[in-house]
PDB file of N, CA and C in Angstrom:
ATOM      1  N   MET A   1       0.850  -1.182   0.000  1.00  0.00           N
ATOM      2  CA  MET A   1       0.000   0.000   0.000  1.00  0.00           C
ATOM      3  C   MET A   1       0.888   1.236   0.000  1.00  0.00           C
ATOM      4  N   THR A   2       0.507   2.207  -0.761  1.00  0.00           N
ATOM      5  CA  THR A   2       1.324   3.407  -0.893  1.00  0.00           C
ATOM      6  C   THR A   2       0.940   4.484   0.106  1.00  0.00           C
ATOM      7  N   GLY A   3       0.082   4.176   1.017  1.00  0.00           N
ATOM      8  CA  GLY A   3      -0.342   5.159   1.990  1.00  0.00           C
ATOM      9  C   GLY A   3      -1.560   5.957   1.557  1.00  0.00           C
ATOM     10  N   LEU A   4      -2.143   5.609   0.426  1.00  0.00           N
ATOM     11  CA  LEU A   4      -3.341   6.299  -0.026  1.00  0.00           C
ATOM     12  C   LEU A   4      -4.532   5.853   0.809  1.00  0.00           C
ATOM     13  N   ASN A   5      -5.410   6.780   1.124  1.00  0.00           N
ATOM     14  CA  ASN A   5      -6.619   6.383   1.845  1.00  0.00           C
ATOM     15  C   ASN A   5      -7.680   5.941   0.844  1.00  0.00           C
ATOM     16  N   LEU A   6      -8.792   5.439   1.365  1.00  0.00           N
ATOM     17  CA  LEU A   6      -9.840   4.910   0.480  1.00  0.00           C
ATOM     18  C   LEU A   6     -10.369   5.946  -0.497  1.00  0.00           C
ATOM     19  N   HIS A   7     -10.500   7.181  -0.049  1.00  0.00           N
ATOM     20  CA  HIS A   7     -11.017   8.226  -0.947  1.00  0.00           C
ATOM     21  C   HIS A   7     -10.035   8.495  -2.086  1.00  0.00           C
ATOM     22  N   GLU A   8      -8.750   8.486  -1.782  1.00  0.00           N
ATOM     23  CA  GLU A   8      -7.750   8.683  -2.831  1.00  0.00           C
ATOM     24  C   GLU A   8      -7.739   7.496  -3.797  1.00  0.00           C
ATOM     25  N   LEU A   9      -7.852   6.305  -3.253  1.00  0.00           N
ATOM     26  CA  LEU A   9      -7.924   5.114  -4.113  1.00  0.00           C
ATOM     27  C   LEU A   9      -9.154   5.157  -5.003  1.00  0.00           C
ATOM     28  N   LYS A  10     -10.284   5.598  -4.433  1.00  0.00           N
ATOM     29  CA  LYS A  10     -11.521   5.724  -5.209  1.00  0.00           C
ATOM     30  C   LYS A  10     -11.330   6.729  -6.339  1.00  0.00           C
ATOM     31  N   ASN A  11     -10.690   7.850  -6.049  1.00  0.00           N
ATOM     32  CA  ASN A  11     -10.457   8.872  -7.071  1.00  0.00           C
ATOM     33  C   ASN A  11      -9.533   8.349  -8.171  1.00  0.00           C
ATOM     34  N   GLU A  12      -8.490   7.624  -7.780  1.00  0.00           N
ATOM     35  CA  GLU A  12      -7.588   7.033  -8.763  1.00  0.00           C
ATOM     36  C   GLU A  12      -8.320   6.008  -9.625  1.00  0.00           C
ATOM     37  N   ALA A  13      -9.167   5.220  -8.999  1.00  0.00           N
ATOM     38  CA  ALA A  13      -9.941   4.227  -9.743  1.00  0.00           C
ATOM     39  C   ALA A  13     -10.881   4.909 -10.733  1.00  0.00           C
ATOM     40  N   GLU A  14     -11.482   6.008 -10.335  1.00  0.00           N
ATOM     41  CA  GLU A  14     -12.373   6.740 -11.244  1.00  0.00           C
ATOM     42  C   GLU A  14     -11.594   7.283 -12.431  1.00  0.00           C
ATOM     43  N   LYS A  15     -10.397   7.795 -12.182  1.00  0.00           N
ATOM     44  CA  LYS A  15      -9.556   8.287 -13.275  1.00  0.00           C
ATOM     45  C   LYS A  15      -9.195   7.148 -14.228  1.00  0.00           C
ATOM     46  N   ARG A  16      -8.899   5.972 -13.680  1.00  0.00           N
ATOM     47  CA  ARG A  16      -8.558   4.814 -14.498  1.00  0.00           C
ATOM     48  C   ARG A  16      -9.744   4.431 -15.392  1.00  0.00           C
ATOM     49  N   VAL A  17     -10.954   4.465 -14.829  1.00  0.00           N
ATOM     50  CA  VAL A  17     -12.151   4.146 -15.609  1.00  0.00           C
ATOM     51  C   VAL A  17     -12.344   5.193 -16.716  1.00  0.00           C
ATOM     52  N   GLN A  18     -12.151   6.449 -16.398  1.00  0.00           N
ATOM     53  CA  GLN A  18     -12.299   7.501 -17.409  1.00  0.00           C
ATOM     54  C   GLN A  18     -11.270   7.344 -18.526  1.00  0.00           C
ATOM     55  N   ARG A  19     -10.023   7.045 -18.158  1.00  0.00           N
ATOM     56  CA  ARG A  19      -8.990   6.820 -19.181  1.00  0.00           C
ATOM     57  C   ARG A  19      -9.353   5.614 -20.042  1.00  0.00           C
ATOM     58  N   GLY A  20      -9.884   4.583 -19.407  1.00  0.00           N
ATOM     59  CA  GLY A  20     -10.293   3.393 -20.144  1.00  0.00           C
ATOM     60  C   GLY A  20     -11.377   3.702 -21.162  1.00  0.00           C
ATOM     61  N   GLU A  21     -12.321   4.548 -20.785  1.00  0.00           N
ATOM     62  CA  GLU A  21     -13.385   4.934 -21.716  1.00  0.00           C
ATOM     63  C   GLU A  21     -12.808   5.638 -22.936  1.00  0.00           C
ATOM     64  N   LEU A  22     -11.826   6.505 -22.692  1.00  0.00           N
ATOM     65  CA  LEU A  22     -11.189   7.213 -23.807  1.00  0.00           C
ATOM     66  C   LEU A  22     -10.420   6.250 -24.703  1.00  0.00           C
ATOM     67  N   LYS A  23      -9.712   5.309 -24.114  1.00  0.00           N
ATOM     68  CA  LYS A  23      -8.959   4.327 -24.902  1.00  0.00           C
ATOM     69  C   LYS A  23      -9.897   3.470 -25.749  1.00  0.00           C
ATOM     70  N   ILE A  24     -11.009   3.067 -25.167  1.00  0.00           N
ATOM     71  CA  ILE A  24     -11.980   2.245 -25.903  1.00  0.00           C
ATOM     72  C   ILE A  24     -12.571   3.037 -27.068  1.00  0.00           C
ATOM     73  N   ALA A  25     -12.932   4.274 -26.831  1.00  0.00           N
ATOM     74  CA  ALA A  25     -13.483   5.110 -27.902  1.00  0.00           C
ATOM     75  C   ALA A  25     -12.454   5.290 -29.020  1.00  0.00           C
ATOM     76  N   HIS A  26     -11.218   5.509 -28.653  1.00  0.00           N
ATOM     77  CA  HIS A  26     -10.157   5.680 -29.646  1.00  0.00           C
ATOM     78  C   HIS A  26      -9.956   4.396 -30.446  1.00  0.00           C
ATOM     79  N   GLN A  27      -9.964   3.257 -29.759  1.00  0.00           N
ATOM     80  CA  GLN A  27      -9.780   1.982 -30.442  1.00  0.00           C
ATOM     81  C   GLN A  27     -10.935   1.706 -31.397  1.00  0.00           C
ATOM     82  N   ARG A  28     -12.145   2.062 -31.005  1.00  0.00           N
ATOM     83  CA  ARG A  28     -13.294   1.893 -31.913  1.00  0.00           C
ATOM     84  C   ARG A  28     -13.138   2.747 -33.165  1.00  0.00           C
ATOM     85  N   GLU A  29     -12.599   3.939 -32.976  1.00  0.00           N
ATOM     86  CA  GLU A  29     -12.365   4.808 -34.132  1.00  0.00           C
ATOM     87  C   GLU A  29     -11.306   4.202 -35.053  1.00  0.00           C
ATOM     88  N   ILE A  30     -10.269   3.645 -34.478  1.00  0.00           N
ATOM     89  CA  ILE A  30      -9.232   2.987 -35.281  1.00  0.00           C
ATOM     90  C   ILE A  30      -9.839   1.854 -36.093  1.00  0.00           C
ATOM     91  N   ILE A  31     -10.669   1.062 -35.462  1.00  0.00           N
ATOM     92  CA  ILE A  31     -11.327  -0.051 -36.159  1.00  0.00           C
ATOM     93  C   ILE A  31     -12.181   0.474 -37.302  1.00  0.00           C
ATOM     94  N   SER A  32     -12.906   1.532 -37.042  1.00  0.00           N
ATOM     95  CA  SER A  32     -13.758   2.121 -38.074  1.00  0.00           C
ATOM     96  C   SER A  32     -12.936   2.593 -39.267  1.00  0.00           C
ATOM     97  N   VAL A  33     -11.842   3.254 -38.994  1.00  0.00           N
ATOM     98  CA  VAL A  33     -10.969   3.742 -40.074  1.00  0.00           C
ATOM     99  C   VAL A  33     -10.399   2.574 -40.872  1.00  0.00           C
ATOM    100  N   LEU A  34      -9.932   1.553 -40.160  1.00  0.00           N
ATOM    101  CA  LEU A  34      -9.385   0.379 -40.846  1.00  0.00           C
ATOM    102  C   LEU A  34     -10.430  -0.275 -41.733  1.00  0.00           C
ATOM    103  N   GLU A  35     -11.624  -0.456 -41.192  1.00  0.00           N
ATOM    104  CA  GLU A  35     -12.677  -1.124 -41.962  1.00  0.00           C
ATOM    105  C   GLU A  35     -13.127  -0.281 -43.150  1.00  0.00           C
ATOM    106  N   ARG A  36     -13.226   1.027 -42.964  1.00  0.00           N
ATOM    107  CA  ARG A  36     -13.622   1.903 -44.076  1.00  0.00           C
ATOM    108  C   ARG A  36     -12.604   1.865 -45.210  1.00  0.00           C
ATOM    109  N   SER A  37     -11.339   1.675 -44.837  1.00  0.00           N
ATOM    110  CA  SER A  37     -10.293   1.655 -45.869  1.00  0.00           C
ATOM    111  C   SER A  37     -10.029   0.243 -46.392  1.00  0.00           C
ATOM    112  N   GLY A  38     -10.846  -0.723 -45.954  1.00  0.00           N
ATOM    113  CA  GLY A  38     -10.721  -2.088 -46.453  1.00  0.00           C
ATOM    114  C   GLY A  38      -9.556  -2.864 -45.869  1.00  0.00           C
ATOM    115  N   ARG A  39      -9.002  -2.394 -44.771  1.00  0.00           N
ATOM    116  CA  ARG A  39      -7.854  -3.064 -44.155  1.00  0.00           C
ATOM    117  C   ARG A  39      -8.315  -4.048 -43.084  1.00  0.00           C
ATOM    118  N   ASN A  40      -7.450  -4.953 -42.742  1.00  0.00           N
ATOM    119  CA  ASN A  40      -7.731  -5.979 -41.741  1.00  0.00           C
ATOM    120  C   ASN A  40      -7.749  -5.342 -40.345  1.00  0.00           C
ATOM    121  N   ALA A  41      -8.851  -5.498 -39.648  1.00  0.00           N
ATOM    122  CA  ALA A  41      -9.009  -4.906 -38.321  1.00  0.00           C
ATOM    123  C   ALA A  41      -8.988  -5.960 -37.211  1.00  0.00           C
ATOM    124  N   THR A  42      -8.555  -7.181 -37.544  1.00  0.00           N
ATOM    125  CA  THR A  42      -8.597  -8.270 -36.562  1.00  0.00           C
ATOM    126  C   THR A  42      -7.788  -7.945 -35.315  1.00  0.00           C
ATOM    127  N   ALA A  43      -6.558  -7.521 -35.478  1.00  0.00           N
ATOM    128  CA  ALA A  43      -5.715  -7.217 -34.320  1.00  0.00           C
ATOM    129  C   ALA A  43      -6.300  -6.059 -33.516  1.00  0.00           C
ATOM    130  N   ALA A  44      -6.831  -5.067 -34.200  1.00  0.00           N
ATOM    131  CA  ALA A  44      -7.431  -3.919 -33.518  1.00  0.00           C
ATOM    132  C   ALA A  44      -8.664  -4.347 -32.725  1.00  0.00           C
ATOM    133  N   LYS A  45      -9.422  -5.287 -33.271  1.00  0.00           N
ATOM    134  CA  LYS A  45     -10.602  -5.801 -32.564  1.00  0.00           C
ATOM    135  C   LYS A  45     -10.199  -6.620 -31.345  1.00  0.00           C
ATOM    136  N   ARG A  46      -9.111  -7.361 -31.467  1.00  0.00           N
ATOM    137  CA  ARG A  46      -8.612  -8.116 -30.309  1.00  0.00           C
ATOM    138  C   ARG A  46      -8.192  -7.169 -29.194  1.00  0.00           C
ATOM    139  N   LEU A  47      -7.514  -6.095 -29.580  1.00  0.00           N
ATOM    140  CA  LEU A  47      -7.109  -5.104 -28.580  1.00  0.00           C
ATOM    141  C   LEU A  47      -8.339  -4.463 -27.946  1.00  0.00           C
ATOM    142  N   LEU A  48      -9.350  -4.161 -28.739  1.00  0.00           N
ATOM    143  CA  LEU A  48     -10.585  -3.603 -28.201  1.00  0.00           C
ATOM    144  C   LEU A  48     -11.207  -4.559 -27.190  1.00  0.00           C
ATOM    145  N   ASN A  49     -11.234  -5.835 -27.512  1.00  0.00           N
ATOM    146  CA  ASN A  49     -11.775  -6.827 -26.593  1.00  0.00           C
ATOM    147  C   ASN A  49     -11.006  -6.827 -25.280  1.00  0.00           C
ATOM    148  N   PHE A  50      -9.685  -6.759 -25.358  1.00  0.00           N
ATOM    149  CA  PHE A  50      -8.851  -6.695 -24.154  1.00  0.00           C
ATOM    150  C   PHE A  50      -9.162  -5.436 -23.350  1.00  0.00           C
ATOM    151  N   LEU A  51      -9.249  -4.307 -24.034  1.00  0.00           N
ATOM    152  CA  LEU A  51      -9.553  -3.048 -23.355  1.00  0.00           C
ATOM    153  C   LEU A  51     -10.918  -3.098 -22.663  1.00  0.00           C
ATOM    154  N   GLU A  52     -11.899  -3.685 -23.324  1.00  0.00           N
ATOM    155  CA  GLU A  52     -13.234  -3.786 -22.743  1.00  0.00           C
ATOM    156  C   GLU A  52     -13.254  -4.700 -21.520  1.00  0.00           C
ATOM    157  N   ARG A  53     -12.511  -5.802 -21.581  1.00  0.00           N
ATOM    158  CA  ARG A  53     -12.449  -6.702 -20.418  1.00  0.00           C
ATOM    159  C   ARG A  53     -11.720  -6.029 -19.253  1.00  0.00           C
ATOM    160  N   THR A  54     -10.658  -5.311 -19.557  1.00  0.00           N
ATOM    161  CA  THR A  54      -9.934  -4.573 -18.526  1.00  0.00           C
ATOM    162  C   THR A  54     -10.827  -3.501 -17.928  1.00  0.00           C
ATOM    163  N   GLN A  55     -11.588  -2.822 -18.769  1.00  0.00           N
ATOM    164  CA  GLN A  55     -12.500  -1.780 -18.301  1.00  0.00           C
ATOM    165  C   GLN A  55     -13.547  -2.365 -17.365  1.00  0.00           C
ATOM    166  N   ALA A  56     -14.084  -3.516 -17.715  1.00  0.00           N
ATOM    167  CA  ALA A  56     -15.095  -4.145 -16.861  1.00  0.00           C
ATOM    168  C   ALA A  56     -14.517  -4.428 -15.479  1.00  0.00           C
ATOM    169  N   SER A  57     -13.297  -4.905 -15.441  1.00  0.00           N
ATOM    170  CA  SER A  57     -12.631  -5.171 -14.166  1.00  0.00           C
ATOM    171  C   SER A  57     -12.388  -3.870 -13.400  1.00  0.00           C
ATOM    172  N   ASP A  58     -11.952  -2.840 -14.111  1.00  0.00           N
ATOM    173  CA  ASP A  58     -11.707  -1.545 -13.468  1.00  0.00           C
ATOM    174  C   ASP A  58     -12.996  -0.947 -12.905  1.00  0.00           C
ATOM    175  N   VAL A  59     -14.102  -1.140 -13.596  1.00  0.00           N
ATOM    176  CA  VAL A  59     -15.394  -0.632 -13.113  1.00  0.00           C
ATOM    177  C   VAL A  59     -15.794  -1.359 -11.830  1.00  0.00           C
ATOM    178  N   VAL A  60     -15.596  -2.670 -11.804  1.00  0.00           N
ATOM    179  CA  VAL A  60     -15.908  -3.441 -10.593  1.00  0.00           C
ATOM    180  C   VAL A  60     -15.063  -2.939  -9.425  1.00  0.00           C
ATOM    181  N   ASP A  61     -13.768  -2.747  -9.676  1.00  0.00           N
ATOM    182  CA  ASP A  61     -12.882  -2.247  -8.620  1.00  0.00           C
ATOM    183  C   ASP A  61     -13.319  -0.869  -8.140  1.00  0.00           C
ATOM    184  N   ARG A  62     -13.627  -0.004  -9.097  1.00  0.00           N
ATOM    185  CA  ARG A  62     -14.066   1.350  -8.749  1.00  0.00           C
ATOM    186  C   ARG A  62     -15.347   1.322  -7.928  1.00  0.00           C
ATOM    187  N   ASP A  63     -16.299   0.514  -8.365  1.00  0.00           N
ATOM    188  CA  ASP A  63     -17.575   0.430  -7.651  1.00  0.00           C
ATOM    189  C   ASP A  63     -17.386  -0.103  -6.237  1.00  0.00           C
ATOM    190  N   TRP A  64     -16.493  -1.068  -6.073  1.00  0.00           N
ATOM    191  CA  TRP A  64     -16.206  -1.598  -4.750  1.00  0.00           C
ATOM    192  C   TRP A  64     -15.619  -0.506  -3.859  1.00  0.00           C
ATOM    193  N   LEU A  65     -14.686   0.274  -4.407  1.00  0.00           N
ATOM    194  CA  LEU A  65     -14.092   1.358  -3.631  1.00  0.00           C
ATOM    195  C   LEU A  65     -15.118   2.436  -3.288  1.00  0.00           C
ATOM    196  N   VAL A  66     -16.025   2.724  -4.220  1.00  0.00           N
ATOM    197  CA  VAL A  66     -17.086   3.693  -3.931  1.00  0.00           C
ATOM    198  C   VAL A  66     -17.937   3.211  -2.768  1.00  0.00           C
ATOM    199  N   THR A  67     -18.242   1.913  -2.775  1.00  0.00           N
ATOM    200  CA  THR A  67     -19.038   1.338  -1.688  1.00  0.00           C
ATOM    201  C   THR A  67     -18.287   1.429  -0.366  1.00  0.00           C
ATOM    202  N   ARG A  68     -17.010   1.102  -0.396  1.00  0.00           N
ATOM    203  CA  ARG A  68     -16.201   1.099   0.819  1.00  0.00           C
ATOM    204  C   ARG A  68     -15.903   2.504   1.336  1.00  0.00           C
ATOM    205  N   ALA A  69     -15.651   3.430   0.424  1.00  0.00           N
ATOM    206  CA  ALA A  69     -15.228   4.772   0.802  1.00  0.00           C
ATOM    207  C   ALA A  69     -16.413   5.727   0.944  1.00  0.00           C
ATOM    208  N   GLY A  70     -17.560   5.316   0.514  1.00  0.00           N
ATOM    209  CA  GLY A  70     -18.706   6.222   0.492  1.00  0.00           C
ATOM    210  C   GLY A  70     -18.781   6.887  -0.871  1.00  0.00           C
ATOM    211  N   GLY A  71     -19.961   7.269  -1.240  1.00  0.00           N
ATOM    212  CA  GLY A  71     -20.202   7.798  -2.568  1.00  0.00           C
ATOM    213  C   GLY A  71     -19.638   9.164  -2.864  1.00  0.00           C
ATOM    214  N   ASN A  72     -19.222   9.912  -1.882  1.00  0.00           N
ATOM    215  CA  ASN A  72     -18.810  11.293  -2.153  1.00  0.00           C
ATOM    216  C   ASN A  72     -17.360  11.452  -2.407  1.00  0.00           C
TER     217      ASN A  72
END
C-alpha cells in the first residue's frame, strides 16, 4: 500500500475508468478507419476486446471502492 486512503484510491480508480473509456473510444475509431479503408481490423478488434475486459474489471474495482469509501 502506498499510503493512499480509500477516498484517494476511489479517485484514482475513477480516473482509471475515465482513461479506459477514452482508450476504448479511440480503439473503436481505429477499427472504423481500418474497416472503411478495407484493411484488416482483426488485431485492432482483439485489442478492443482486451480493453473492454480490462474496463469491466476496473469498473468493478471502482464500484467496490465507492461502496467502501462512500459515494462522495
